[in-house]
N, C-alpha and C. Protein backbone atom coordinates (compact mmCIF):
# COMPACT_ATOMS: atom_id res chain seq x y z
N UNK A 1 11.51 -0.26 12.58
CA UNK A 1 10.93 1.17 11.63
C UNK A 1 10.06 1.75 12.57
N UNK A 2 9.56 2.86 12.25
CA UNK A 2 8.66 3.69 13.11
C UNK A 2 8.35 4.50 12.22
N UNK A 3 6.41 4.54 12.82
CA UNK A 3 5.18 5.28 12.17
C UNK A 3 5.83 6.58 12.72
N UNK A 4 6.13 8.00 11.71
CA UNK A 4 6.05 9.42 12.00
C UNK A 4 5.27 10.03 10.55
N UNK A 5 3.94 9.29 10.70
CA UNK A 5 2.80 10.24 9.86
C UNK A 5 1.61 9.37 10.27
N UNK A 6 0.52 9.96 10.41
CA UNK A 6 -0.59 8.75 9.68
C UNK A 6 -1.32 10.46 9.36
N UNK A 7 -2.21 9.62 8.42
CA UNK A 7 -3.51 10.29 7.74
C UNK A 7 -4.65 9.74 7.53
N UNK A 8 -5.78 10.22 7.81
CA UNK A 8 -7.01 9.45 7.99
C UNK A 8 -7.72 10.08 6.59
N UNK A 9 -9.08 8.69 6.21
CA UNK A 9 -9.54 8.73 5.09
C UNK A 9 -10.73 8.37 5.94
N UNK A 10 -12.29 9.34 5.47
CA UNK A 10 -13.47 8.95 6.46
C UNK A 10 -12.88 8.09 7.57
N UNK A 11 -12.17 8.99 8.98
CA UNK A 11 -11.82 8.88 10.48
C UNK A 11 -10.91 7.27 10.70
N UNK A 12 -10.22 6.85 9.11
CA UNK A 12 -9.69 5.74 9.21
C UNK A 12 -8.99 5.41 10.51
N UNK A 13 -8.12 6.54 11.00
CA UNK A 13 -7.81 5.95 12.17
C UNK A 13 -8.88 5.43 13.76
N UNK A 14 -9.61 6.22 13.88
CA UNK A 14 -10.68 6.22 15.41
C UNK A 14 -11.01 4.86 14.71
N UNK A 15 -11.72 4.41 13.64
CA UNK A 15 -12.32 3.27 12.99
C UNK A 15 -10.93 1.94 13.40
N UNK A 16 -9.68 1.72 12.98
CA UNK A 16 -9.25 1.18 13.01
C UNK A 16 -8.61 0.78 14.95
N UNK A 17 -8.13 2.22 15.20
CA UNK A 17 -8.20 1.84 16.07
C UNK A 17 -9.56 1.23 17.16
N UNK A 18 -10.49 1.31 17.37
CA UNK A 18 -11.57 1.34 18.10
C UNK A 18 -12.30 -0.47 17.42
N UNK A 19 -11.86 -0.79 15.96
CA UNK A 19 -12.64 -1.99 15.46
C UNK A 19 -11.77 -3.01 15.39
N UNK A 20 -10.51 -2.44 15.00
CA UNK A 20 -9.47 -3.56 15.23
C UNK A 20 -8.06 -3.69 15.62
N UNK A 21 -8.24 -3.53 17.10
CA UNK A 21 -7.40 -2.98 17.80
C UNK A 21 -5.92 -4.28 17.81
N UNK A 22 -6.52 -5.47 17.73
CA UNK A 22 -5.73 -6.51 17.91
C UNK A 22 -4.90 -6.31 16.21
N UNK A 23 -5.47 -6.36 14.71
CA UNK A 23 -4.89 -6.03 13.85
C UNK A 23 -4.16 -4.61 14.09
N UNK A 24 -4.44 -3.86 14.71
CA UNK A 24 -3.12 -2.32 14.98
C UNK A 24 -2.28 -2.67 15.97
N UNK A 25 -2.13 -3.66 16.36
CA UNK A 25 -0.92 -3.98 17.73
C UNK A 25 -0.57 -4.89 16.83
N UNK A 26 -0.81 -5.76 15.40
CA UNK A 26 -0.20 -6.78 15.13
C UNK A 26 0.88 -5.23 13.58
N UNK A 27 -0.15 -4.55 13.34
CA UNK A 27 0.97 -4.14 12.19
C UNK A 27 1.76 -3.03 12.84
N UNK A 28 1.37 -2.47 14.26
CA UNK A 28 2.79 -1.47 15.01
C UNK A 28 3.48 -2.64 14.95
N UNK A 29 3.19 -3.71 15.33
CA UNK A 29 4.38 -4.65 15.95
C UNK A 29 5.01 -5.38 14.48
N UNK A 30 5.04 -5.91 13.05
CA UNK A 30 5.78 -5.50 12.07
C UNK A 30 6.39 -4.11 11.53
N UNK A 31 5.79 -3.04 11.46
CA UNK A 31 6.67 -1.84 11.59
C UNK A 31 7.51 -1.78 12.44
N UNK A 32 7.79 -2.27 13.61
CA UNK A 32 8.86 -2.09 14.65
C UNK A 32 9.95 -3.00 13.89
N UNK A 33 9.00 -4.67 13.55
CA UNK A 33 10.15 -5.63 13.54
C UNK A 33 11.25 -5.52 12.51
N UNK A 34 10.77 -4.64 11.00
CA UNK A 34 11.37 -4.20 9.81
C UNK A 34 12.57 -3.36 10.21
N UNK A 35 14.20 -3.44 10.16
CA UNK A 35 14.71 -2.78 10.05
C UNK A 35 15.38 -2.58 8.92
N UNK A 36 15.86 -0.85 8.55
CA UNK A 36 16.39 -0.88 7.29
C UNK A 36 17.51 -1.23 6.59
N UNK A 37 18.43 -1.07 7.84
CA UNK A 37 19.42 -1.58 7.35
C UNK A 37 20.04 -2.34 6.45
N UNK A 38 18.81 -3.88 6.88
CA UNK A 38 19.39 -4.85 6.58
C UNK A 38 19.54 -5.05 5.16
N UNK A 39 18.46 -4.09 4.06
CA UNK A 39 18.28 -4.12 3.24
C UNK A 39 18.72 -2.73 2.28
N UNK A 40 20.24 -2.91 2.53
CA UNK A 40 20.62 -1.77 1.67
C UNK A 40 21.63 -2.26 0.51
N UNK A 41 21.49 -1.70 -0.61
CA UNK A 41 22.35 -2.50 -1.54
C UNK A 41 23.65 -2.11 -1.60
N UNK A 42 24.71 -2.45 -2.26
CA UNK A 42 26.05 -2.74 -2.22
C UNK A 42 26.38 -1.25 -3.42
N UNK A 43 25.09 -1.23 -4.26
CA UNK A 43 25.52 0.09 -4.91
C UNK A 43 25.60 1.33 -4.64
N UNK A 44 26.57 1.97 -4.65
CA UNK A 44 26.53 3.24 -3.59
C UNK A 44 25.94 4.61 -5.20
N UNK A 45 25.23 5.42 -4.34
CA UNK A 45 25.44 6.45 -5.24
C UNK A 45 26.00 7.56 -5.08
N UNK A 46 26.46 8.13 -5.57
CA UNK A 46 27.04 9.43 -5.62
C UNK A 46 26.65 10.76 -5.34
N UNK A 47 26.96 10.95 -4.19
CA UNK A 47 26.58 12.88 -4.10
C UNK A 47 27.92 13.20 -3.91
N UNK A 48 27.88 14.66 -3.91
CA UNK A 48 29.04 15.06 -3.71
C UNK A 48 28.98 14.85 -2.41
N UNK A 49 30.33 14.86 -1.37
CA UNK A 49 30.73 14.58 -1.09
C UNK A 49 29.72 13.73 0.58
N UNK A 50 28.89 13.11 -0.19
CA UNK A 50 27.71 11.90 0.31
C UNK A 50 27.14 10.81 -0.35
N UNK A 51 28.24 9.30 -0.24
CA UNK A 51 28.24 8.58 -0.86
C UNK A 51 26.84 8.23 0.30
N UNK A 52 26.00 7.19 -0.76
CA UNK A 52 25.09 6.43 -0.08
C UNK A 52 24.63 5.09 -0.27
N UNK A 53 24.07 4.36 0.41
CA UNK A 53 23.62 2.99 -0.62
C UNK A 53 22.14 3.28 0.03
N UNK A 54 21.88 2.76 -1.40
CA UNK A 54 20.33 2.86 -1.84
C UNK A 54 19.80 1.69 -0.67
N UNK A 55 18.12 1.76 -0.59
CA UNK A 55 17.52 0.97 0.15
C UNK A 55 16.80 0.15 -1.08
N UNK A 56 17.14 -1.46 -1.19
CA UNK A 56 16.07 -2.17 -1.88
C UNK A 56 14.93 -2.71 -1.92
N UNK A 57 13.88 -1.67 -2.14
CA UNK A 57 12.50 -1.82 -1.98
C UNK A 57 11.64 -3.23 -1.81
N UNK A 58 12.41 -4.17 -2.75
CA UNK A 58 11.92 -5.12 -3.00
C UNK A 58 12.05 -6.01 -1.60
N UNK A 59 13.34 -5.97 -1.48
CA UNK A 59 13.10 -6.57 -0.19
C UNK A 59 13.43 -6.20 1.13
N UNK A 60 12.82 -5.17 1.33
CA UNK A 60 11.58 -4.41 2.92
C UNK A 60 10.60 -4.46 1.86
N UNK A 61 9.90 -5.14 1.04
CA UNK A 61 8.49 -5.23 1.26
C UNK A 61 8.32 -6.58 1.39
N UNK A 62 9.90 -7.94 0.49
CA UNK A 62 9.67 -9.13 1.55
C UNK A 62 9.68 -9.04 2.81
N UNK A 63 10.23 -8.47 3.61
CA UNK A 63 10.46 -8.28 5.16
C UNK A 63 9.04 -8.01 5.86
N UNK A 64 8.09 -7.52 4.84
CA UNK A 64 6.74 -7.44 6.10
C UNK A 64 5.82 -8.44 4.81
N UNK A 65 6.34 -8.84 3.92
CA UNK A 65 5.30 -9.90 3.85
C UNK A 65 5.71 -11.16 4.77
N UNK A 66 7.23 -11.47 4.85
CA UNK A 66 7.18 -12.73 6.07
C UNK A 66 6.48 -11.93 7.34
N UNK A 67 6.64 -10.76 7.87
CA UNK A 67 6.37 -10.35 9.49
C UNK A 67 4.89 -11.04 9.11
N UNK A 68 3.91 -10.00 8.50
CA UNK A 68 2.33 -10.49 8.13
C UNK A 68 2.16 -12.41 8.00
N UNK A 69 3.02 -12.39 7.34
CA UNK A 69 2.19 -14.06 6.75
C UNK A 69 2.89 -14.59 8.52
N UNK A 70 3.84 -14.17 9.20
CA UNK A 70 4.34 -14.99 10.01
C UNK A 70 3.10 -15.20 10.89
N UNK A 71 2.24 -13.81 11.49
CA UNK A 71 1.50 -13.46 11.90
C UNK A 71 -0.01 -14.13 11.95
N UNK A 72 0.00 -15.00 10.61
CA UNK A 72 -1.42 -15.49 9.48
C UNK A 72 -2.28 -14.83 9.26
N UNK A 73 -1.64 -13.59 8.69
CA UNK A 73 -2.18 -12.50 7.97
C UNK A 73 -2.63 -13.06 6.26
N UNK A 74 -3.83 -13.24 6.17
CA UNK A 74 -4.41 -13.65 4.56
C UNK A 74 -3.54 -12.99 3.64
N UNK A 75 -2.52 -13.58 2.53
CA UNK A 75 -2.07 -12.57 2.02
C UNK A 75 -1.83 -12.73 0.35
N UNK A 76 -1.93 -11.85 -0.66
CA UNK A 76 -2.05 -11.39 -1.79
C UNK A 76 -3.51 -12.17 -2.35
N UNK A 77 -4.86 -11.38 -1.31
CA UNK A 77 -6.37 -11.69 -2.20
C UNK A 77 -6.41 -11.03 -3.06
N UNK A 78 -7.73 -11.85 -4.08
CA UNK A 78 -7.48 -11.46 -5.33
C UNK A 78 -9.25 -11.22 -5.65
N UNK A 79 -9.37 -10.88 -6.43
CA UNK A 79 -10.78 -10.78 -7.41
C UNK A 79 -10.12 -10.57 -8.65
N UNK A 80 -10.55 -11.34 -9.71
CA UNK A 80 -10.93 -11.10 -10.78
C UNK A 80 -11.19 -10.65 -11.70
N UNK A 81 -10.50 -9.53 -12.67
CA UNK A 81 -11.15 -9.11 -13.70
C UNK A 81 -12.48 -9.66 -14.75
N UNK A 82 -13.48 -9.71 -14.51
CA UNK A 82 -13.68 -10.27 -15.73
C UNK A 82 -14.84 -8.95 -16.58
N UNK A 83 -14.41 -8.13 -18.01
CA UNK A 83 -13.84 -8.10 -18.89
C UNK A 83 -14.94 -7.63 -19.65
N UNK A 84 -16.31 -7.03 -19.53
CA UNK A 84 -17.53 -6.86 -19.73
C UNK A 84 -17.00 -6.11 -21.57
N UNK A 85 -17.87 -7.15 -22.49
CA UNK A 85 -17.89 -6.51 -23.95
C UNK A 85 -18.66 -5.62 -24.78
N UNK A 86 -19.21 -4.91 -23.62
CA UNK A 86 -20.18 -3.82 -24.08
C UNK A 86 -19.30 -2.54 -24.72
N UNK A 87 -18.47 -2.77 -23.94
CA UNK A 87 -17.69 -1.04 -24.71
C UNK A 87 -16.88 -0.83 -25.10
N UNK A 88 -16.76 -1.82 -26.26
CA UNK A 88 -15.96 -1.29 -27.48
C UNK A 88 -17.23 -1.10 -28.54
N UNK A 89 -16.34 -0.28 -29.94
CA UNK A 89 -17.00 0.11 -30.65
C UNK A 89 -17.62 -1.49 -31.59
N UNK A 90 -18.85 -0.90 -32.39
CA UNK A 90 -19.17 -1.79 -33.25
C UNK A 90 -18.32 -2.36 -34.73
N UNK A 91 -18.13 -4.17 -34.46
CA UNK A 91 -17.32 -4.40 -35.50
C UNK A 91 -15.69 -4.83 -34.89
N UNK A 92 -15.68 -4.27 -33.48
CA UNK A 92 -13.87 -4.72 -32.95
C UNK A 92 -14.47 -5.80 -31.53
N UNK A 93 -14.30 -7.35 -31.53
CA UNK A 93 -13.69 -8.05 -31.02
C UNK A 93 -12.55 -8.08 -30.38
N UNK A 94 -11.80 -8.09 -29.55
CA UNK A 94 -10.62 -8.09 -28.49
C UNK A 94 -10.41 -9.39 -28.49
N UNK A 95 -8.81 -9.30 -28.90
CA UNK A 95 -8.46 -11.47 -28.70
C UNK A 95 -8.48 -11.57 -27.47
N UNK A 96 -8.23 -12.60 -27.66
CA UNK A 96 -8.27 -13.45 -25.99
C UNK A 96 -7.06 -13.29 -25.47
N UNK A 97 -7.56 -13.06 -24.12
CA UNK A 97 -5.84 -12.53 -22.66
C UNK A 97 -5.89 -13.96 -23.03
N UNK A 98 -4.42 -13.89 -23.02
CA UNK A 98 -3.24 -15.01 -22.39
C UNK A 98 -3.25 -15.03 -20.56
N UNK A 99 -3.93 -13.81 -19.80
CA UNK A 99 -3.81 -14.46 -18.60
C UNK A 99 -4.98 -13.48 -18.30
N UNK A 100 -5.77 -14.00 -17.70
CA UNK A 100 -6.85 -13.48 -16.50
C UNK A 100 -5.95 -12.42 -16.04
N UNK A 101 -7.22 -11.16 -15.79
CA UNK A 101 -6.43 -10.11 -15.41
C UNK A 101 -7.25 -10.17 -13.49
N UNK A 102 -6.47 -9.23 -12.77
CA UNK A 102 -6.58 -9.38 -11.11
C UNK A 102 -6.42 -8.42 -10.65
N UNK A 103 -7.24 -7.49 -9.04
CA UNK A 103 -7.23 -6.72 -8.41
C UNK A 103 -6.01 -7.05 -7.43
N UNK A 104 -5.70 -7.28 -6.30
CA UNK A 104 -4.99 -7.47 -5.71
C UNK A 104 -4.82 -6.99 -3.89
N UNK A 105 -5.12 -7.64 -3.14
CA UNK A 105 -4.93 -6.65 -1.73
C UNK A 105 -3.84 -7.56 -1.14
N UNK A 106 -2.69 -7.13 -0.49
CA UNK A 106 -1.60 -7.19 -0.04
C UNK A 106 -2.09 -7.76 1.13
N UNK A 107 -3.09 -7.61 2.15
CA UNK A 107 -2.94 -8.23 3.37
C UNK A 107 -4.85 -8.67 3.51
N UNK A 108 -5.20 -9.48 4.07
CA UNK A 108 -6.32 -8.94 5.08
C UNK A 108 -6.57 -9.92 6.35
N UNK A 109 -6.60 -9.82 7.47
CA UNK A 109 -7.62 -10.02 8.71
C UNK A 109 -8.82 -9.09 9.03
N UNK A 110 -9.38 -9.81 9.61
CA UNK A 110 -10.87 -9.30 9.65
C UNK A 110 -11.40 -8.34 8.93
N UNK A 111 -11.75 -8.44 7.56
CA UNK A 111 -12.08 -7.57 6.95
C UNK A 111 -11.06 -5.95 6.84
N UNK A 112 -10.18 -6.62 7.37
CA UNK A 112 -8.85 -4.60 7.68
C UNK A 112 -8.41 -5.41 6.52
N UNK A 113 -8.26 -4.34 5.25
CA UNK A 113 -7.42 -4.67 4.17
C UNK A 113 -5.61 -3.89 4.35
N UNK A 114 -4.61 -4.32 4.36
CA UNK A 114 -3.25 -3.60 4.35
C UNK A 114 -3.12 -3.42 3.44
N UNK A 115 -1.94 -2.53 2.57
CA UNK A 115 -0.94 -2.09 1.29
C UNK A 115 -0.10 -1.74 1.88
N UNK A 116 0.92 -2.61 1.57
CA UNK A 116 2.27 -2.31 1.70
C UNK A 116 3.52 -1.66 0.50
N UNK A 117 3.36 -0.43 0.12
CA UNK A 117 4.17 0.03 -1.09
C UNK A 117 5.51 1.09 -0.61
N UNK A 118 6.31 -0.08 -1.14
CA UNK A 118 7.91 0.37 -1.44
C UNK A 118 8.83 0.61 -2.73
N UNK A 119 7.97 0.34 -3.39
CA UNK A 119 8.55 0.14 -4.52
C UNK A 119 7.98 1.74 -5.37
N UNK A 120 8.47 1.81 -7.05
CA UNK A 120 8.04 2.71 -7.88
C UNK A 120 6.91 2.44 -8.34
N UNK A 121 5.78 2.70 -7.99
CA UNK A 121 4.53 2.60 -8.24
C UNK A 121 3.69 3.85 -9.19
N UNK A 122 2.60 3.70 -9.51
CA UNK A 122 0.94 4.30 -9.98
C UNK A 122 1.37 5.27 -8.97
N UNK A 123 0.80 6.79 -9.17
CA UNK A 123 0.04 7.47 -7.80
C UNK A 123 -0.81 6.24 -6.81
N UNK A 124 -0.75 6.52 -5.33
CA UNK A 124 -0.68 5.31 -4.56
C UNK A 124 -2.90 5.39 -4.07
N UNK A 125 -2.77 6.97 -4.54
CA UNK A 125 -4.12 7.35 -4.66
C UNK A 125 -4.93 6.31 -4.78
N UNK A 126 -4.64 5.28 -5.97
CA UNK A 126 -5.81 4.70 -6.52
C UNK A 126 -5.92 3.90 -5.43
N UNK A 127 -5.02 2.94 -4.78
CA UNK A 127 -5.46 1.61 -3.63
C UNK A 127 -6.41 2.44 -3.27
N UNK A 128 -6.38 3.69 -2.32
CA UNK A 128 -7.48 4.63 -1.48
C UNK A 128 -8.03 4.22 -2.02
N UNK A 129 -8.84 5.18 -3.18
CA UNK A 129 -10.05 6.13 -3.85
C UNK A 129 -10.74 4.50 -4.82
N UNK A 130 -9.75 3.54 -4.90
CA UNK A 130 -10.30 2.58 -6.43
C UNK A 130 -10.34 0.98 -5.00
N UNK A 131 -9.19 0.88 -5.56
CA UNK A 131 -9.05 -0.51 -4.83
C UNK A 131 -9.62 -1.32 -3.68
N UNK A 132 -9.29 -0.22 -2.47
CA UNK A 132 -9.84 -0.33 -1.29
C UNK A 132 -11.90 -0.47 -1.57
N UNK A 133 -12.01 0.24 -2.26
CA UNK A 133 -13.61 0.50 -2.16
C UNK A 133 -13.82 -0.59 -2.96
N UNK A 134 -13.72 -1.38 -4.24
CA UNK A 134 -13.32 -2.35 -5.06
C UNK A 134 -14.29 -3.35 -4.05
N UNK A 135 -12.90 -3.98 -3.00
CA UNK A 135 -12.95 -4.58 -2.21
C UNK A 135 -13.80 -4.52 -1.10
N UNK A 136 -14.45 -3.54 -1.39
CA UNK A 136 -15.42 -3.58 0.29
C UNK A 136 -16.41 -3.89 -0.75
N UNK A 137 -16.61 -3.10 -1.85
CA UNK A 137 -18.02 -3.60 -2.67
C UNK A 137 -18.35 -5.23 -2.26
N UNK A 138 -16.99 -5.65 -2.86
CA UNK A 138 -16.69 -7.20 -3.23
C UNK A 138 -16.88 -8.11 -1.72
N UNK A 139 -17.42 -7.16 -0.65
CA UNK A 139 -17.77 -7.82 0.47
C UNK A 139 -16.51 -8.40 1.25
N UNK A 140 -15.22 -7.95 1.21
CA UNK A 140 -14.01 -8.37 1.41
C UNK A 140 -13.42 -7.66 2.77
N UNK A 141 -13.50 -6.16 2.36
CA UNK A 141 -13.17 -5.49 3.46
C UNK A 141 -13.95 -4.31 4.10
N UNK A 142 -13.73 -4.03 5.07
CA UNK A 142 -14.74 -2.56 5.68
C UNK A 142 -13.99 -1.57 5.66
N UNK A 143 -12.55 -1.69 6.28
CA UNK A 143 -11.99 -0.72 5.99
C UNK A 143 -9.98 -1.06 6.33
N UNK A 144 -9.43 -0.10 5.47
CA UNK A 144 -7.79 -0.38 4.79
C UNK A 144 -6.79 0.86 5.81
N UNK A 145 -5.95 0.29 4.98
CA UNK A 145 -4.28 0.70 5.53
C UNK A 145 -3.66 0.69 4.78
N UNK A 146 -2.83 1.30 4.43
CA UNK A 146 -1.50 2.00 4.12
C UNK A 146 -0.57 1.84 4.29
N UNK A 147 0.49 1.95 3.63
CA UNK A 147 1.81 1.85 5.06
C UNK A 147 2.78 2.05 3.46
N UNK A 148 3.40 3.48 3.62
CA UNK A 148 4.32 3.93 2.72
C UNK A 148 5.28 4.60 3.76
N UNK A 149 6.31 4.72 2.89
CA UNK A 149 7.78 5.85 3.33
C UNK A 149 7.49 7.14 3.34
N UNK A 150 7.91 7.59 4.20
CA UNK A 150 8.07 9.06 4.31
C UNK A 150 8.99 9.81 3.29
N UNK A 151 9.10 11.48 2.84
CA UNK A 151 10.07 11.18 1.94
C UNK A 151 11.46 10.77 2.42
N UNK A 152 11.34 11.33 3.54
CA UNK A 152 12.86 11.09 4.01
C UNK A 152 13.72 9.66 3.61
N UNK A 153 12.89 8.97 3.49
CA UNK A 153 13.02 7.24 3.73
C UNK A 153 12.97 6.90 2.25
N UNK A 154 12.07 7.78 1.36
CA UNK A 154 11.87 6.80 -0.32
C UNK A 154 12.65 7.71 -1.15
N UNK A 155 13.80 8.63 0.03
CA UNK A 155 14.98 9.25 -1.03
C UNK A 155 15.90 8.46 -0.48
N UNK A 156 15.91 7.85 -0.34
CA UNK A 156 17.27 6.51 0.05
C UNK A 156 16.34 5.59 -0.51
N UNK A 157 15.77 5.57 -1.25
CA UNK A 157 15.11 4.43 -2.65
C UNK A 157 15.23 4.97 -3.89
N UNK A 158 14.81 3.95 -4.49
CA UNK A 158 14.64 4.16 -6.00
C UNK A 158 14.24 5.40 -6.25
N UNK A 159 14.21 6.42 -7.40
CA UNK A 159 13.97 7.30 -7.97
C UNK A 159 12.14 6.99 -8.38
N UNK A 160 11.50 7.82 -8.06
CA UNK A 160 10.32 7.12 -8.03
C UNK A 160 9.47 7.07 -7.14
N UNK A 161 9.96 6.40 -6.10
CA UNK A 161 9.63 6.00 -4.90
C UNK A 161 7.89 6.89 -4.82
N UNK A 162 6.63 6.64 -4.54
CA UNK A 162 5.98 7.29 -4.70
C UNK A 162 6.05 7.42 -2.34
N UNK A 163 5.64 8.63 -2.00
CA UNK A 163 6.10 8.51 -0.53
C UNK A 163 4.60 9.31 0.24
N UNK A 164 4.73 9.45 1.60
CA UNK A 164 3.79 9.83 2.16
C UNK A 164 2.55 10.99 2.18
N UNK A 165 3.77 11.81 1.84
CA UNK A 165 3.53 13.70 1.89
C UNK A 165 3.17 13.76 0.61
N UNK A 166 3.20 12.75 -0.44
CA UNK A 166 2.50 12.97 -1.63
C UNK A 166 1.05 13.04 -1.91
N UNK A 167 0.83 11.47 -1.26
CA UNK A 167 -0.31 11.04 -1.01
C UNK A 167 -1.23 12.14 -0.09
N UNK A 168 -0.75 12.15 1.04
CA UNK A 168 -1.39 13.12 2.03
C UNK A 168 -1.83 14.07 0.95
N UNK A 169 -1.01 14.74 -0.05
CA UNK A 169 -1.49 16.03 -0.75
C UNK A 169 -2.25 16.15 -1.98
N UNK A 170 -2.02 14.94 -2.50
CA UNK A 170 -2.99 14.00 -3.20
C UNK A 170 -4.87 14.14 -2.45
N UNK A 171 -4.99 13.43 -1.53
CA UNK A 171 -5.75 13.31 -0.82
C UNK A 171 -6.62 14.39 -1.14
N UNK A 172 -5.90 15.30 -0.21
CA UNK A 172 -6.49 16.42 0.38
C UNK A 172 -6.73 17.08 -0.65
N UNK A 173 -6.38 17.06 -1.84
CA UNK A 173 -6.41 18.34 -2.96
C UNK A 173 -8.12 17.25 -4.14
N UNK A 174 -8.15 16.19 -4.15
CA UNK A 174 -9.44 15.30 -4.04
C UNK A 174 -10.52 15.61 -3.81
N UNK A 175 -10.37 15.82 -2.10
CA UNK A 175 -11.34 15.69 -1.68
C UNK A 175 -12.23 14.39 -1.13
N UNK A 176 -13.42 14.80 -0.73
CA UNK A 176 -14.23 13.76 -0.51
C UNK A 176 -15.03 13.39 -0.98
N UNK A 177 -15.22 11.43 -0.93
CA UNK A 177 -16.58 11.01 -1.68
C UNK A 177 -17.40 10.01 -1.40
N UNK A 178 -18.49 10.08 -1.44
CA UNK A 178 -19.99 9.15 -0.90
C UNK A 178 -18.97 7.72 -1.07
N UNK A 179 -18.43 6.81 -1.80
CA UNK A 179 -17.96 5.42 -1.79
C UNK A 179 -16.71 5.36 -1.23
N UNK A 180 -15.84 6.32 -0.30
CA UNK A 180 -15.25 5.70 0.58
C UNK A 180 -15.46 5.67 1.58
N UNK A 181 -14.32 4.49 1.93
CA UNK A 181 -14.10 3.46 3.74
C UNK A 181 -13.03 4.31 4.31
N UNK A 182 -13.19 3.92 5.29
CA UNK A 182 -12.14 4.22 6.48
C UNK A 182 -10.95 3.69 5.97
N UNK A 183 -9.94 4.48 5.81
CA UNK A 183 -8.48 4.06 5.79
C UNK A 183 -7.80 4.63 6.35
N UNK A 184 -6.34 4.29 7.15
CA UNK A 184 -6.00 5.36 7.44
C UNK A 184 -3.88 5.02 6.86
N UNK A 185 -3.76 5.99 6.11
CA UNK A 185 -2.43 5.88 6.11
C UNK A 185 -1.12 5.95 6.46
N UNK A 186 -0.30 4.99 6.27
CA UNK A 186 1.25 5.42 7.78
C UNK A 186 2.35 5.68 6.57
N UNK A 187 3.04 6.55 7.16
CA UNK A 187 3.97 7.12 7.10
C UNK A 187 5.16 6.76 7.89
N UNK A 188 5.61 5.57 7.29
CA UNK A 188 7.30 5.40 7.81
C UNK A 188 8.75 6.12 7.95
N UNK A 189 9.37 5.54 8.72
CA UNK A 189 10.66 6.13 9.10
C UNK A 189 11.49 5.21 9.13
N UNK A 190 13.35 4.91 9.07
CA UNK A 190 14.31 3.94 9.86
C UNK A 190 14.20 4.25 10.92
């Protein structure tokens, strides 16, 4: 795969290249190692005169997972969510939760958090504007990276896959916040 789009929040590109040069080299290496051709499903999508095979996002994500883990990146770093009872209305007591909730960062190395998203997820701006700031406040990361498909690649994945161009639009129309941390968003293509 190749990097074909770069967007920075709070000078994310400059911060990552200056302070995380080893991790930046490893990230670009991982991206170059993943080949989308091996992740095409056997299910063909018929379009007039253009049958095509969809890229399986779960297999593509697993390939990134293997490459990052092979390089020793810490994976699935979690923060437990302990919900305070202070915000329920009088007289309401919630039932016990069957499972403790948590927030997860896909990879962390030297206080750089990396999220890799190729599936159908809600707005990924959440990862940048909320989750990365939560992990920063918890003292786990100082900067972040989001790796997502460009629209041309997302069009070959399941319908609803969020893509680089949409994230950039969302962030540009959101504006800056004083709690933002340096984040670099990479749009990749096959």
